[in-house]
Amino acid sequence: MSLSEKFIVLPFKKVRGNLAPGEMRQASNSAAAERIAAAMSSRFVGVAAYSVLVDMESGDMSSPRVLCQFGEIADIAA
């Protein structure tokens, strides 16, 4: 199992009164993820930039860590 740190940005929207994740975007580093999240923040109920560990063999993501957040976000670790 080979783990690699990746940076993602995840927007959230309201669907029937609940928060739902939108389309995930990948970033090249933590600073880029924070810039993308800030730029997207006016268009969504919430946006968060995360650092995650990715198993390069299976593609599974684990250990999400919030780098920054704007507005309302859901717990993606659950």
C-alpha atoms as a PDB file:
ATOM      1  CA  MET A   1       0.000   0.000   0.000  1.00  0.00           C
ATOM      2  CA  SER A   2       1.530   3.285  -1.181  1.00  0.00           C
ATOM      3  CA  LEU A   3       0.047   6.454   0.349  1.00  0.00           C
ATOM      4  CA  SER A   4       0.369   9.892  -1.192  1.00  0.00           C
ATOM      5  CA  GLU A   5      -0.872  13.272   0.077  1.00  0.00           C
ATOM      6  CA  LYS A   6      -3.264  15.026  -2.317  1.00  0.00           C
ATOM      7  CA  PHE A   7      -5.085  18.344  -2.108  1.00  0.00           C
ATOM      8  CA  ILE A   8      -8.755  18.659  -3.019  1.00  0.00           C
ATOM      9  CA  VAL A   9     -11.440  21.333  -2.976  1.00  0.00           C
ATOM     10  CA  LEU A  10     -15.016  20.313  -2.303  1.00  0.00           C
ATOM     11  CA  PRO A  11     -17.992  22.670  -2.720  1.00  0.00           C
ATOM     12  CA  PHE A  12     -21.268  22.072  -0.868  1.00  0.00           C
ATOM     13  CA  LYS A  13     -24.823  22.965  -1.859  1.00  0.00           C
ATOM     14  CA  LYS A  14     -28.228  22.661  -0.201  1.00  0.00           C
ATOM     15  CA  VAL A  15     -30.397  19.805  -1.488  1.00  0.00           C
ATOM     16  CA  ARG A  16     -33.803  19.483   0.172  1.00  0.00           C
ATOM     17  CA  GLY A  17     -32.502  21.350   3.206  1.00  0.00           C
ATOM     18  CA  ASN A  18     -29.405  19.161   3.628  1.00  0.00           C
ATOM     19  CA  LEU A  19     -25.799  19.795   2.643  1.00  0.00           C
ATOM     20  CA  ALA A  20     -24.617  17.791  -0.352  1.00  0.00           C
ATOM     21  CA  PRO A  21     -21.106  17.724  -1.842  1.00  0.00           C
ATOM     22  CA  GLY A  22     -20.576  19.066  -5.353  1.00  0.00           C
ATOM     23  CA  GLU A  23     -17.899  18.153  -7.854  1.00  0.00           C
ATOM     24  CA  MET A  24     -14.457  17.670  -6.286  1.00  0.00           C
ATOM     25  CA  ARG A  25     -11.502  19.562  -7.766  1.00  0.00           C
ATOM     26  CA  GLN A  26      -7.874  18.560  -7.324  1.00  0.00           C
ATOM     27  CA  ALA A  27      -5.140  21.116  -6.602  1.00  0.00           C
ATOM     28  CA  SER A  28      -1.386  20.860  -7.011  1.00  0.00           C
ATOM     29  CA  ASN A  29      -0.547  22.042  -3.473  1.00  0.00           C
ATOM     30  CA  SER A  30      -2.142  23.407  -0.302  1.00  0.00           C
ATOM     31  CA  ALA A  31      -1.819  27.073  -1.314  1.00  0.00           C
ATOM     32  CA  ALA A  32      -3.507  26.389  -4.658  1.00  0.00           C
ATOM     33  CA  ALA A  33      -6.310  24.478  -2.904  1.00  0.00           C
ATOM     34  CA  GLU A  34      -6.920  27.432  -0.586  1.00  0.00           C
ATOM     35  CA  ARG A  35      -6.972  29.886  -3.543  1.00  0.00           C
ATOM     36  CA  ILE A  36      -9.446  27.718  -5.474  1.00  0.00           C
ATOM     37  CA  ALA A  37     -11.697  27.382  -2.408  1.00  0.00           C
ATOM     38  CA  ALA A  38     -11.688  31.159  -1.866  1.00  0.00           C
ATOM     39  CA  ALA A  39     -12.526  31.786  -5.524  1.00  0.00           C
ATOM     40  CA  MET A  40     -15.443  29.311  -5.406  1.00  0.00           C
ATOM     41  CA  SER A  41     -16.832  30.522  -2.063  1.00  0.00           C
ATOM     42  CA  SER A  42     -19.253  33.090  -3.506  1.00  0.00           C
ATOM     43  CA  ARG A  43     -20.995  30.486  -5.677  1.00  0.00           C
ATOM     44  CA  PHE A  44     -21.725  27.818  -3.041  1.00  0.00           C
ATOM     45  CA  VAL A  45     -23.250  27.477   0.444  1.00  0.00           C
ATOM     46  CA  GLY A  46     -19.865  26.206   1.581  1.00  0.00           C
ATOM     47  CA  VAL A  47     -16.457  25.266   0.194  1.00  0.00           C
ATOM     48  CA  ALA A  48     -13.538  23.516   1.869  1.00  0.00           C
ATOM     49  CA  ALA A  49      -9.969  22.724   0.877  1.00  0.00           C
ATOM     50  CA  TYR A  50      -8.665  19.405   2.218  1.00  0.00           C
ATOM     51  CA  SER A  51      -5.462  17.454   2.449  1.00  0.00           C
ATOM     52  CA  VAL A  52      -6.163  13.722   2.054  1.00  0.00           C
ATOM     53  CA  LEU A  53      -4.101  10.551   1.948  1.00  0.00           C
ATOM     54  CA  VAL A  54      -4.687   8.509  -1.205  1.00  0.00           C
ATOM     55  CA  ASP A  55      -3.825   4.832  -1.585  1.00  0.00           C
ATOM     56  CA  MET A  56      -2.156   4.895  -5.012  1.00  0.00           C
ATOM     57  CA  GLU A  57      -3.061   1.257  -5.703  1.00  0.00           C
ATOM     58  CA  SER A  58      -6.789   1.372  -4.909  1.00  0.00           C
ATOM     59  CA  GLY A  59      -7.521   5.111  -5.196  1.00  0.00           C
ATOM     60  CA  ASP A  60      -9.151   5.135  -1.731  1.00  0.00           C
ATOM     61  CA  MET A  61      -8.971   8.431   0.164  1.00  0.00           C
ATOM     62  CA  SER A  62      -8.544   8.643   3.938  1.00  0.00           C
ATOM     63  CA  SER A  63      -7.554  10.994   6.770  1.00  0.00           C
ATOM     64  CA  PRO A  64      -9.113  14.224   5.441  1.00  0.00           C
ATOM     65  CA  ARG A  65      -7.747  17.373   7.090  1.00  0.00           C
ATOM     66  CA  VAL A  66      -9.449  20.742   6.517  1.00  0.00           C
ATOM     67  CA  LEU A  67      -6.988  23.349   5.265  1.00  0.00           C
ATOM     68  CA  CYS A  68      -9.577  26.134   5.050  1.00  0.00           C
ATOM     69  CA  GLN A  69     -13.340  26.477   4.852  1.00  0.00           C
ATOM     70  CA  PHE A  70     -15.912  29.037   3.771  1.00  0.00           C
ATOM     71  CA  GLY A  71     -19.562  28.846   4.804  1.00  0.00           C
ATOM     72  CA  GLU A  72     -21.269  25.583   5.773  1.00  0.00           C
ATOM     73  CA  ILE A  73     -19.527  22.266   5.130  1.00  0.00           C
ATOM     74  CA  ALA A  74     -20.377  18.665   5.976  1.00  0.00           C
ATOM     75  CA  ASP A  75     -18.114  16.148   7.707  1.00  0.00           C
ATOM     76  CA  ILE A  76     -16.612  14.067   4.899  1.00  0.00           C
ATOM     77  CA  ALA A  77     -14.810  11.723   7.304  1.00  0.00           C
ATOM     78  CA  ALA A  78     -18.122  10.144   8.394  1.00  0.00           C
END
